Amino acid sequence: MIKYKLICKDCNLLFDSWFASSKEYENLRNKKFLNCHVCNSKKVEKTLMAPKLLKKTNNNRNFNNVIKDKEIKKKFKEYQKFIKSNFEYVGKNFAYEARTIHYDNKKINKGIYGTASKEEVQELREEGINAEMIPWLENKDN
């Protein structure tokens, strides 16, 4: 596929159009099948365009970043699965529940996880309560 920037010589409209190949563009132009979608003129031509060039190193780096991003995302999903299986979800009450466990010496069977702001986590740490933040990826596979 190739994209050309086209111009209508009658109304000066600039627009993009995709073609299977440069030969396909030439065939359609020669058969007068190209037309302006605003004024319906057949006087449509290619304009000057700057080609988009990819350096091999940049392309490899982008590909490697995609691979690395997928690996990181997979690892986070594994962590999330482990946390969901082994910890109790307390929602937005995380800071309150953590303090209750810490100060009341509440016996629990599982650790807890939930939502807390950066400030709440910092306050918990200052109080000597071990709390960590991790990125949580929403499941968008549905």
N, C-alpha and C. Protein backbone atom coordinates (compact mmCIF):
# COMPACT_ATOMS: atom_id res chain seq x y z
N MET A 1 0.85 -1.18 0.00
CA MET A 1 0.00 0.00 0.00
C MET A 1 0.89 1.24 0.00
N ILE A 2 0.40 2.26 -0.68
CA ILE A 2 1.12 3.52 -0.74
C ILE A 2 0.10 4.65 -0.58
N LYS A 3 0.50 5.67 0.17
CA LYS A 3 -0.39 6.81 0.39
C LYS A 3 0.17 8.01 -0.36
N TYR A 4 -0.70 8.66 -1.14
CA TYR A 4 -0.31 9.87 -1.85
C TYR A 4 -1.15 11.04 -1.35
N LYS A 5 -0.53 12.20 -1.31
CA LYS A 5 -1.24 13.43 -1.06
C LYS A 5 -1.66 13.95 -2.43
N LEU A 6 -2.96 14.13 -2.62
CA LEU A 6 -3.50 14.55 -3.91
C LEU A 6 -4.06 15.96 -3.81
N ILE A 7 -4.14 16.63 -4.95
CA ILE A 7 -4.73 17.96 -5.01
C ILE A 7 -5.70 18.03 -6.18
N CYS A 8 -6.82 18.67 -5.93
CA CYS A 8 -7.78 18.93 -7.00
C CYS A 8 -7.39 20.26 -7.64
N LYS A 9 -7.16 20.24 -8.95
CA LYS A 9 -6.73 21.45 -9.66
C LYS A 9 -7.87 22.46 -9.82
N ASP A 10 -9.12 22.02 -9.64
CA ASP A 10 -10.26 22.94 -9.77
C ASP A 10 -10.56 23.67 -8.47
N CYS A 11 -10.66 22.94 -7.36
CA CYS A 11 -11.02 23.59 -6.09
C CYS A 11 -9.86 23.69 -5.10
N ASN A 12 -8.68 23.22 -5.49
CA ASN A 12 -7.45 23.27 -4.67
C ASN A 12 -7.56 22.49 -3.35
N LEU A 13 -8.43 21.50 -3.30
CA LEU A 13 -8.56 20.66 -2.12
C LEU A 13 -7.37 19.71 -2.04
N LEU A 14 -6.75 19.66 -0.87
CA LEU A 14 -5.67 18.68 -0.61
C LEU A 14 -6.27 17.52 0.17
N PHE A 15 -5.97 16.30 -0.25
CA PHE A 15 -6.47 15.13 0.48
C PHE A 15 -5.53 13.95 0.26
N ASP A 16 -5.61 12.99 1.16
CA ASP A 16 -4.79 11.79 1.07
C ASP A 16 -5.61 10.65 0.49
N SER A 17 -4.92 9.77 -0.22
CA SER A 17 -5.59 8.58 -0.76
C SER A 17 -4.59 7.43 -0.79
N TRP A 18 -5.09 6.23 -0.52
CA TRP A 18 -4.27 5.03 -0.50
C TRP A 18 -4.44 4.26 -1.80
N PHE A 19 -3.34 3.69 -2.26
CA PHE A 19 -3.36 2.88 -3.49
C PHE A 19 -2.58 1.60 -3.23
N ALA A 20 -2.93 0.56 -3.98
CA ALA A 20 -2.24 -0.72 -3.84
C ALA A 20 -0.77 -0.60 -4.21
N SER A 21 -0.47 0.27 -5.17
CA SER A 21 0.91 0.47 -5.61
C SER A 21 0.97 1.76 -6.42
N SER A 22 2.17 2.19 -6.76
CA SER A 22 2.30 3.39 -7.60
C SER A 22 1.74 3.10 -9.00
N LYS A 23 1.89 1.86 -9.47
CA LYS A 23 1.32 1.49 -10.78
C LYS A 23 -0.20 1.58 -10.75
N GLU A 24 -0.79 1.18 -9.64
CA GLU A 24 -2.25 1.26 -9.52
C GLU A 24 -2.71 2.71 -9.59
N TYR A 25 -1.98 3.60 -8.93
CA TYR A 25 -2.31 5.02 -9.01
C TYR A 25 -2.27 5.48 -10.48
N GLU A 26 -1.19 5.13 -11.18
CA GLU A 26 -1.04 5.54 -12.59
C GLU A 26 -2.18 4.99 -13.45
N ASN A 27 -2.55 3.74 -13.24
CA ASN A 27 -3.65 3.13 -14.00
C ASN A 27 -4.96 3.88 -13.77
N LEU A 28 -5.26 4.16 -12.52
CA LEU A 28 -6.51 4.87 -12.20
C LEU A 28 -6.50 6.30 -12.77
N ARG A 29 -5.35 6.95 -12.69
CA ARG A 29 -5.23 8.32 -13.23
C ARG A 29 -5.42 8.31 -14.75
N ASN A 30 -4.76 7.37 -15.42
CA ASN A 30 -4.86 7.29 -16.89
C ASN A 30 -6.28 6.97 -17.36
N LYS A 31 -7.00 6.18 -16.58
CA LYS A 31 -8.38 5.82 -16.95
C LYS A 31 -9.39 6.88 -16.47
N LYS A 32 -8.88 7.96 -15.85
CA LYS A 32 -9.70 9.07 -15.35
C LYS A 32 -10.71 8.59 -14.29
N PHE A 33 -10.26 7.64 -13.44
CA PHE A 33 -11.11 7.16 -12.36
C PHE A 33 -10.90 7.96 -11.07
N LEU A 34 -9.89 8.80 -11.03
CA LEU A 34 -9.66 9.62 -9.84
C LEU A 34 -10.49 10.89 -9.94
N ASN A 35 -11.17 11.23 -8.86
CA ASN A 35 -11.94 12.46 -8.86
C ASN A 35 -11.93 13.08 -7.46
N CYS A 36 -12.20 14.36 -7.44
CA CYS A 36 -12.28 15.11 -6.18
C CYS A 36 -13.60 14.77 -5.50
N HIS A 37 -13.55 14.48 -4.22
CA HIS A 37 -14.76 14.10 -3.52
C HIS A 37 -15.61 15.32 -3.11
N VAL A 38 -15.11 16.53 -3.36
CA VAL A 38 -15.88 17.74 -3.06
C VAL A 38 -16.57 18.28 -4.31
N CYS A 39 -15.76 18.52 -5.37
CA CYS A 39 -16.34 19.13 -6.58
C CYS A 39 -16.50 18.14 -7.73
N ASN A 40 -16.07 16.89 -7.53
CA ASN A 40 -16.21 15.81 -8.51
C ASN A 40 -15.36 16.02 -9.77
N SER A 41 -14.41 16.92 -9.72
CA SER A 41 -13.54 17.17 -10.86
C SER A 41 -12.61 15.97 -11.09
N LYS A 42 -12.26 15.74 -12.34
CA LYS A 42 -11.32 14.67 -12.70
C LYS A 42 -9.88 15.19 -12.74
N LYS A 43 -9.69 16.48 -12.47
CA LYS A 43 -8.36 17.09 -12.50
C LYS A 43 -7.67 16.92 -11.15
N VAL A 44 -7.31 15.68 -10.83
CA VAL A 44 -6.67 15.34 -9.56
C VAL A 44 -5.26 14.86 -9.86
N GLU A 45 -4.30 15.42 -9.12
CA GLU A 45 -2.89 15.05 -9.33
C GLU A 45 -2.19 14.86 -7.99
N LYS A 46 -1.05 14.18 -8.05
CA LYS A 46 -0.21 14.05 -6.86
C LYS A 46 0.46 15.38 -6.57
N THR A 47 0.69 15.65 -5.28
CA THR A 47 1.46 16.83 -4.90
C THR A 47 2.82 16.38 -4.41
N LEU A 48 3.70 17.33 -4.15
CA LEU A 48 5.00 16.99 -3.59
C LEU A 48 4.81 16.44 -2.18
N MET A 49 5.55 15.40 -1.90
CA MET A 49 5.45 14.78 -0.58
C MET A 49 6.85 14.47 -0.08
N ALA A 50 7.01 14.53 1.22
CA ALA A 50 8.27 14.11 1.82
C ALA A 50 8.13 12.65 2.21
N PRO A 51 9.02 11.79 1.74
CA PRO A 51 8.91 10.38 2.11
C PRO A 51 9.22 10.17 3.57
N LYS A 52 8.61 9.17 4.16
CA LYS A 52 8.89 8.82 5.54
C LYS A 52 9.92 7.70 5.52
N LEU A 53 11.11 8.02 5.96
CA LEU A 53 12.20 7.04 5.95
C LEU A 53 12.44 6.54 7.36
N LEU A 54 12.61 5.26 7.48
CA LEU A 54 12.93 4.65 8.77
C LEU A 54 14.37 4.17 8.73
N LYS A 55 15.13 4.59 9.72
CA LYS A 55 16.48 4.08 9.82
C LYS A 55 16.41 2.68 10.40
N LYS A 56 17.29 1.84 9.96
CA LYS A 56 17.26 0.46 10.41
C LYS A 56 17.44 0.38 11.93
N THR A 57 18.33 1.18 12.47
CA THR A 57 18.56 1.14 13.92
C THR A 57 17.33 1.60 14.68
N ASN A 58 16.65 2.67 14.20
CA ASN A 58 15.45 3.13 14.87
C ASN A 58 14.35 2.07 14.80
N ASN A 59 14.23 1.43 13.64
CA ASN A 59 13.22 0.41 13.47
C ASN A 59 13.49 -0.75 14.43
N ASN A 60 14.74 -1.17 14.55
CA ASN A 60 15.08 -2.25 15.47
C ASN A 60 14.83 -1.82 16.91
N ARG A 61 15.17 -0.57 17.24
CA ARG A 61 14.98 -0.09 18.60
C ARG A 61 13.49 -0.07 18.92
N ASN A 62 12.65 0.42 17.99
CA ASN A 62 11.21 0.44 18.21
C ASN A 62 10.68 -0.98 18.39
N PHE A 63 11.15 -1.90 17.57
CA PHE A 63 10.72 -3.29 17.69
C PHE A 63 11.14 -3.87 19.04
N ASN A 64 12.39 -3.59 19.44
CA ASN A 64 12.86 -4.08 20.74
C ASN A 64 12.06 -3.47 21.88
N ASN A 65 11.68 -2.19 21.76
CA ASN A 65 10.86 -1.56 22.80
C ASN A 65 9.50 -2.22 22.88
N VAL A 66 8.91 -2.57 21.75
CA VAL A 66 7.61 -3.25 21.75
C VAL A 66 7.73 -4.60 22.45
N ILE A 67 8.80 -5.34 22.14
CA ILE A 67 9.01 -6.64 22.77
C ILE A 67 9.20 -6.46 24.28
N LYS A 68 10.03 -5.48 24.66
CA LYS A 68 10.28 -5.23 26.07
C LYS A 68 9.00 -4.81 26.79
N ASP A 69 8.18 -3.95 26.16
CA ASP A 69 6.91 -3.53 26.75
C ASP A 69 5.99 -4.71 26.97
N LYS A 70 5.94 -5.62 26.01
CA LYS A 70 5.08 -6.82 26.15
C LYS A 70 5.57 -7.69 27.30
N GLU A 71 6.89 -7.82 27.44
CA GLU A 71 7.44 -8.63 28.53
C GLU A 71 7.13 -8.00 29.88
N ILE A 72 7.26 -6.69 29.98
CA ILE A 72 6.97 -5.98 31.23
C ILE A 72 5.48 -6.12 31.57
N LYS A 73 4.63 -5.93 30.57
CA LYS A 73 3.19 -6.05 30.79
C LYS A 73 2.84 -7.46 31.26
N LYS A 74 3.46 -8.46 30.66
CA LYS A 74 3.22 -9.85 31.04
C LYS A 74 3.63 -10.08 32.50
N LYS A 75 4.79 -9.53 32.89
CA LYS A 75 5.28 -9.70 34.26
C LYS A 75 4.34 -9.02 35.25
N PHE A 76 3.85 -7.81 34.93
CA PHE A 76 2.91 -7.13 35.81
C PHE A 76 1.62 -7.93 35.97
N LYS A 77 1.16 -8.52 34.87
CA LYS A 77 -0.07 -9.33 34.95
C LYS A 77 0.15 -10.56 35.84
N GLU A 78 1.36 -11.14 35.78
CA GLU A 78 1.67 -12.27 36.66
C GLU A 78 1.64 -11.83 38.12
N TYR A 79 2.24 -10.66 38.41
CA TYR A 79 2.22 -10.13 39.78
C TYR A 79 0.79 -9.90 40.25
N GLN A 80 -0.01 -9.30 39.38
CA GLN A 80 -1.40 -9.03 39.74
C GLN A 80 -2.16 -10.32 40.02
N LYS A 81 -1.94 -11.32 39.23
CA LYS A 81 -2.62 -12.61 39.44
C LYS A 81 -2.21 -13.20 40.79
N PHE A 82 -0.91 -13.12 41.11
CA PHE A 82 -0.43 -13.61 42.39
C PHE A 82 -1.07 -12.84 43.54
N ILE A 83 -1.10 -11.52 43.42
CA ILE A 83 -1.68 -10.68 44.49
C ILE A 83 -3.15 -11.01 44.67
N LYS A 84 -3.91 -11.11 43.59
CA LYS A 84 -5.34 -11.40 43.69
C LYS A 84 -5.59 -12.76 44.34
N SER A 85 -4.70 -13.71 44.09
CA SER A 85 -4.87 -15.06 44.63
C SER A 85 -4.46 -15.17 46.10
N ASN A 86 -3.52 -14.33 46.54
CA ASN A 86 -2.93 -14.51 47.87
C ASN A 86 -3.20 -13.38 48.86
N PHE A 87 -3.86 -12.32 48.43
CA PHE A 87 -4.13 -11.19 49.30
C PHE A 87 -5.62 -10.86 49.25
N GLU A 88 -6.08 -10.17 50.31
CA GLU A 88 -7.48 -9.77 50.39
C GLU A 88 -7.64 -8.36 49.85
N TYR A 89 -8.61 -8.16 48.95
CA TYR A 89 -8.85 -6.85 48.37
C TYR A 89 -9.70 -6.01 49.33
N VAL A 90 -9.21 -4.81 49.70
CA VAL A 90 -9.93 -3.94 50.62
C VAL A 90 -10.36 -2.63 49.95
N GLY A 91 -10.16 -2.53 48.66
CA GLY A 91 -10.62 -1.36 47.91
C GLY A 91 -9.96 -0.07 48.34
N LYS A 92 -10.75 0.99 48.45
CA LYS A 92 -10.23 2.31 48.79
C LYS A 92 -9.95 2.44 50.29
N ASN A 93 -10.25 1.42 51.06
CA ASN A 93 -10.01 1.44 52.51
C ASN A 93 -8.63 0.92 52.88
N PHE A 94 -7.70 0.91 51.94
CA PHE A 94 -6.39 0.31 52.20
C PHE A 94 -5.69 0.94 53.39
N ALA A 95 -5.59 2.26 53.43
CA ALA A 95 -4.86 2.94 54.52
C ALA A 95 -5.51 2.63 55.87
N TYR A 96 -6.84 2.69 55.93
CA TYR A 96 -7.56 2.40 57.17
C TYR A 96 -7.31 0.96 57.61
N GLU A 97 -7.44 0.02 56.69
CA GLU A 97 -7.24 -1.40 57.02
C GLU A 97 -5.80 -1.68 57.45
N ALA A 98 -4.84 -1.05 56.78
CA ALA A 98 -3.43 -1.25 57.14
C ALA A 98 -3.17 -0.76 58.56
N ARG A 99 -3.74 0.40 58.92
CA ARG A 99 -3.57 0.94 60.28
C ARG A 99 -4.27 0.03 61.31
N THR A 100 -5.45 -0.46 60.96
CA THR A 100 -6.18 -1.35 61.88
C THR A 100 -5.35 -2.60 62.16
N ILE A 101 -4.77 -3.18 61.15
CA ILE A 101 -3.94 -4.38 61.33
C ILE A 101 -2.72 -4.04 62.16
N HIS A 102 -2.08 -2.92 61.86
CA HIS A 102 -0.82 -2.55 62.54
C HIS A 102 -1.05 -2.18 64.00
N TYR A 103 -2.00 -1.28 64.29
CA TYR A 103 -2.17 -0.76 65.64
C TYR A 103 -2.99 -1.66 66.55
N ASP A 104 -3.93 -2.39 65.99
CA ASP A 104 -4.77 -3.26 66.81
C ASP A 104 -4.23 -4.68 66.89
N ASN A 105 -3.05 -4.89 66.29
CA ASN A 105 -2.45 -6.23 66.24
C ASN A 105 -3.48 -7.25 65.77
N LYS A 106 -4.29 -6.84 64.82
CA LYS A 106 -5.32 -7.70 64.25
C LYS A 106 -4.67 -8.88 63.54
N LYS A 107 -5.09 -10.06 63.89
CA LYS A 107 -4.58 -11.27 63.24
C LYS A 107 -5.29 -11.44 61.91
N ILE A 108 -4.51 -11.64 60.87
CA ILE A 108 -5.08 -11.84 59.54
C ILE A 108 -4.47 -13.08 58.91
N ASN A 109 -5.26 -13.72 58.06
CA ASN A 109 -4.79 -14.90 57.34
C ASN A 109 -4.05 -14.52 56.07
N LYS A 110 -4.43 -13.39 55.48
CA LYS A 110 -3.86 -12.94 54.23
C LYS A 110 -3.40 -11.50 54.37
N GLY A 111 -2.45 -11.11 53.54
CA GLY A 111 -2.11 -9.71 53.43
C GLY A 111 -3.24 -8.99 52.72
N ILE A 112 -3.14 -7.68 52.61
CA ILE A 112 -4.19 -6.92 51.95
C ILE A 112 -3.62 -6.14 50.78
N TYR A 113 -4.52 -5.79 49.85
CA TYR A 113 -4.17 -4.88 48.77
C TYR A 113 -5.39 -4.04 48.46
N GLY A 114 -5.14 -2.86 47.90
CA GLY A 114 -6.24 -1.96 47.58
C GLY A 114 -5.69 -0.68 47.00
N THR A 115 -6.46 0.37 47.13
CA THR A 115 -6.12 1.65 46.53
C THR A 115 -5.75 2.65 47.61
N ALA A 116 -4.65 3.37 47.40
CA ALA A 116 -4.23 4.43 48.31
C ALA A 116 -3.49 5.49 47.50
N SER A 117 -3.57 6.71 47.95
CA SER A 117 -2.85 7.79 47.27
C SER A 117 -1.38 7.73 47.67
N LYS A 118 -0.54 8.46 46.94
CA LYS A 118 0.89 8.52 47.28
C LYS A 118 1.07 9.08 48.68
N GLU A 119 0.27 10.08 49.02
CA GLU A 119 0.37 10.70 50.34
C GLU A 119 0.01 9.69 51.44
N GLU A 120 -1.04 8.91 51.22
CA GLU A 120 -1.44 7.90 52.22
C GLU A 120 -0.34 6.86 52.41
N VAL A 121 0.26 6.41 51.32
CA VAL A 121 1.33 5.42 51.42
C VAL A 121 2.52 6.01 52.16
N GLN A 122 2.86 7.27 51.87
CA GLN A 122 3.98 7.92 52.56
C GLN A 122 3.69 8.04 54.05
N GLU A 123 2.46 8.41 54.42
CA GLU A 123 2.08 8.50 55.83
C GLU A 123 2.18 7.14 56.51
N LEU A 124 1.74 6.09 55.84
CA LEU A 124 1.84 4.74 56.41
C LEU A 124 3.30 4.38 56.67
N ARG A 125 4.16 4.68 55.72
CA ARG A 125 5.60 4.39 55.89
C ARG A 125 6.18 5.16 57.06
N GLU A 126 5.79 6.44 57.19
CA GLU A 126 6.29 7.26 58.30
C GLU A 126 5.84 6.71 59.65
N GLU A 127 4.69 6.03 59.68
CA GLU A 127 4.17 5.41 60.90
C GLU A 127 4.78 4.03 61.14
N GLY A 128 5.66 3.60 60.25
CA GLY A 128 6.30 2.30 60.40
C GLY A 128 5.50 1.14 59.83
N ILE A 129 4.53 1.45 59.00
CA ILE A 129 3.70 0.42 58.38
C ILE A 129 4.25 0.15 56.99
N ASN A 130 4.60 -1.10 56.73
CA ASN A 130 5.18 -1.47 55.45
C ASN A 130 4.09 -1.46 54.37
N ALA A 131 4.23 -0.53 53.43
CA ALA A 131 3.27 -0.42 52.32
C ALA A 131 4.04 -0.05 51.06
N GLU A 132 3.64 -0.65 49.96
CA GLU A 132 4.28 -0.39 48.67
C GLU A 132 3.22 -0.08 47.63
N MET A 133 3.63 0.65 46.60
CA MET A 133 2.74 0.94 45.48
C MET A 133 3.29 0.22 44.25
N ILE A 134 2.39 -0.38 43.49
CA ILE A 134 2.78 -0.96 42.21
C ILE A 134 1.78 -0.51 41.16
N PRO A 135 2.22 -0.38 39.91
CA PRO A 135 1.26 -0.03 38.85
C PRO A 135 0.23 -1.15 38.71
N TRP A 136 -1.00 -0.80 38.48
CA TRP A 136 -2.06 -1.80 38.31
C TRP A 136 -2.64 -1.65 36.92
N LEU A 137 -2.50 -2.69 36.12
CA LEU A 137 -2.99 -2.67 34.74
C LEU A 137 -4.43 -3.15 34.70
N GLU A 138 -5.27 -2.36 34.06
CA GLU A 138 -6.67 -2.76 33.89
C GLU A 138 -6.73 -3.84 32.81
N ASN A 139 -7.63 -4.79 32.99
CA ASN A 139 -7.80 -5.85 32.01
C ASN A 139 -8.66 -5.34 30.88
N LYS A 140 -8.03 -5.09 29.72
CA LYS A 140 -8.76 -4.56 28.57
C LYS A 140 -8.90 -5.61 27.48
N ASP A 141 -8.81 -6.88 27.85
CA ASP A 141 -8.90 -7.97 26.88
C ASP A 141 -10.33 -8.30 26.51
N ASN A 142 -11.30 -7.77 27.25
CA ASN A 142 -12.70 -8.11 27.02
C ASN A 142 -13.22 -7.48 25.77
